[in-house]
Amino acid sequence: MKQILLMFGLLFWITVEHGFAQNTNLATPMLSNRQSTGEIKAVEMIRQSDILVQTSNGLCQVTGFTMYWTRKKCDPVELHSTSGKFEGKVLEAIKKAAPGDIFSFIEIQADCSNSGGTSNPSISSMIFHIL
């Protein structure tokens, strides 16, 4: 067992130390104010216009996302967008942001081929709690 743990530790050290663990296919989502998750005031959330996706090579073209809007004591409302812009029902929900609401952005899709990346990077979800 000790040998396995030592081998794993050495492999982990080699992987991290020499950069083999870097995934160049990772992309970071954020709101137009560059915030990627956490608490945000309602007035600041209302000012947001879109979702951006950043890689080490630059910005990507957001091609869609799913948003869940959850108000206090209400079931989540599922909304979809076919771009990174807040439009239609998504924009209506954003404009109604109130303290206690939660906005979750999942299944964010982007094309990063124009910034030297891939057309389908791994993109994490974002969750915002409205203050």
Protein backbone atom coordinates (compact mmCIF):
# COMPACT_ATOMS: atom_id res chain seq x y z
CA MET A 1 0.00 0.00 0.00
CA LYS A 2 2.85 2.40 0.84
CA GLN A 3 4.43 1.71 -2.54
CA ILE A 4 1.20 2.59 -4.34
CA LEU A 5 0.85 5.82 -2.37
CA LEU A 6 4.49 6.74 -3.02
CA MET A 7 4.07 6.02 -6.74
CA PHE A 8 0.89 8.10 -6.84
CA GLY A 9 2.60 10.96 -4.99
CA LEU A 10 5.56 10.90 -7.37
CA LEU A 11 3.30 10.75 -10.41
CA PHE A 12 1.25 13.66 -9.04
CA TRP A 13 4.42 15.71 -8.39
CA ILE A 14 5.76 15.03 -11.89
CA THR A 15 2.41 15.87 -13.45
CA VAL A 16 1.99 19.18 -11.60
CA GLU A 17 5.65 20.21 -11.51
CA HIS A 18 6.16 19.75 -15.24
CA GLY A 19 2.83 21.16 -16.37
CA PHE A 20 1.31 17.95 -17.67
CA ALA A 21 -1.85 18.59 -15.62
CA GLN A 22 -2.68 21.78 -17.48
CA ASN A 23 -5.83 21.45 -19.53
CA THR A 24 -5.66 23.99 -22.30
CA ASN A 25 -9.26 23.17 -23.09
CA LEU A 26 -10.53 24.91 -19.91
CA ALA A 27 -12.41 28.17 -20.21
CA THR A 28 -13.65 30.55 -17.50
CA PRO A 29 -17.19 31.94 -17.71
CA MET A 30 -18.04 35.35 -16.26
CA LEU A 31 -20.64 38.07 -16.38
CA SER A 32 -19.95 41.23 -18.37
CA ASN A 33 -18.54 42.81 -15.16
CA ARG A 34 -15.94 39.96 -15.07
CA GLN A 35 -17.43 38.32 -11.94
CA SER A 36 -17.51 34.54 -12.24
CA THR A 37 -19.56 33.47 -9.21
CA GLY A 38 -20.60 34.44 -5.70
CA GLU A 39 -22.66 37.21 -4.17
CA ILE A 40 -23.74 40.22 -6.21
CA LYS A 41 -26.01 43.17 -5.46
CA ALA A 42 -29.33 43.26 -7.31
CA VAL A 43 -28.52 46.60 -8.99
CA GLU A 44 -25.22 45.17 -10.25
CA MET A 45 -26.88 42.00 -11.58
CA ILE A 46 -29.48 44.09 -13.42
CA ARG A 47 -26.65 45.98 -15.18
CA GLN A 48 -25.21 42.80 -16.71
CA SER A 49 -25.68 42.31 -20.44
CA ASP A 50 -24.16 38.94 -21.24
CA ILE A 51 -21.93 35.99 -20.38
CA LEU A 52 -18.31 36.03 -21.47
CA VAL A 53 -15.98 33.04 -21.70
CA GLN A 54 -12.23 33.61 -21.32
CA THR A 55 -9.39 31.24 -22.18
CA SER A 56 -5.67 31.85 -21.88
CA ASN A 57 -5.78 32.83 -25.58
CA GLY A 58 -8.64 35.35 -25.38
CA LEU A 59 -12.43 35.63 -25.39
CA CYS A 60 -14.65 32.98 -26.95
CA GLN A 61 -17.98 33.25 -28.76
CA VAL A 62 -20.72 32.06 -26.37
CA THR A 63 -23.21 29.95 -28.30
CA GLY A 64 -25.73 29.19 -25.56
CA PHE A 65 -26.49 28.45 -21.92
CA THR A 66 -29.22 27.33 -19.55
CA MET A 67 -30.15 29.60 -16.65
CA TYR A 68 -32.12 28.69 -13.53
CA TRP A 69 -33.72 31.61 -11.69
CA THR A 70 -34.80 30.72 -8.17
CA ARG A 71 -36.73 33.17 -6.03
CA LYS A 72 -37.38 32.73 -2.32
CA LYS A 73 -40.01 30.06 -1.67
CA CYS A 74 -40.49 29.43 -5.41
CA ASP A 75 -39.53 26.63 -7.75
CA PRO A 76 -36.65 27.31 -10.14
CA VAL A 77 -37.52 28.72 -13.55
CA GLU A 78 -35.49 27.17 -16.38
CA LEU A 79 -34.59 29.49 -19.25
CA HIS A 80 -32.44 28.94 -22.35
CA SER A 81 -30.35 31.22 -24.54
CA THR A 82 -28.79 30.53 -27.94
CA SER A 83 -26.11 33.19 -27.47
CA GLY A 84 -24.21 34.86 -24.66
CA LYS A 85 -26.48 37.91 -24.64
CA PHE A 86 -29.22 38.38 -22.07
CA GLU A 87 -32.29 38.65 -24.29
CA GLY A 88 -35.98 37.77 -24.14
CA LYS A 89 -37.12 35.80 -21.07
CA VAL A 90 -33.55 35.60 -19.73
CA LEU A 91 -33.28 39.41 -19.78
CA GLU A 92 -36.72 39.75 -18.16
CA ALA A 93 -35.61 37.49 -15.29
CA ILE A 94 -32.28 39.32 -14.85
CA LYS A 95 -34.11 42.67 -14.70
CA LYS A 96 -36.27 41.28 -11.86
CA ALA A 97 -33.28 40.30 -9.70
CA ALA A 98 -34.10 40.82 -6.03
CA PRO A 99 -32.33 40.07 -2.75
CA GLY A 100 -32.48 36.36 -1.99
CA ASP A 101 -32.72 35.27 -5.63
CA ILE A 102 -30.27 32.76 -7.05
CA PHE A 103 -29.18 32.72 -10.67
CA SER A 104 -27.46 29.54 -11.88
CA PHE A 105 -25.86 29.39 -15.32
CA ILE A 106 -25.16 25.84 -16.48
CA GLU A 107 -24.39 24.05 -19.73
CA ILE A 108 -22.55 27.13 -20.99
CA GLN A 109 -21.39 26.48 -24.54
CA ALA A 110 -18.79 28.44 -26.48
CA ASP A 111 -16.73 28.34 -29.64
CA CYS A 112 -13.13 29.23 -28.82
CA SER A 113 -11.64 28.35 -32.20
CA ASN A 114 -11.31 32.06 -33.10
CA SER A 115 -9.05 32.61 -30.06
CA GLY A 116 -6.76 29.66 -30.72
CA GLY A 117 -8.73 27.20 -28.57
CA THR A 118 -11.15 24.43 -29.39
CA SER A 119 -14.74 24.76 -30.49
CA ASN A 120 -16.04 22.89 -27.45
CA PRO A 121 -14.06 23.76 -24.28
CA SER A 122 -14.90 22.55 -20.77
CA ILE A 123 -16.77 25.41 -19.10
CA SER A 124 -17.75 25.44 -15.45
CA SER A 125 -21.12 26.63 -14.16
CA MET A 126 -21.74 29.95 -12.42
CA ILE A 127 -24.00 30.61 -9.43
CA PHE A 128 -24.90 34.06 -8.14
CA HIS A 129 -26.69 34.86 -4.89
CA ILE A 130 -28.41 38.25 -5.06
CA LEU A 131 -27.87 40.59 -2.09
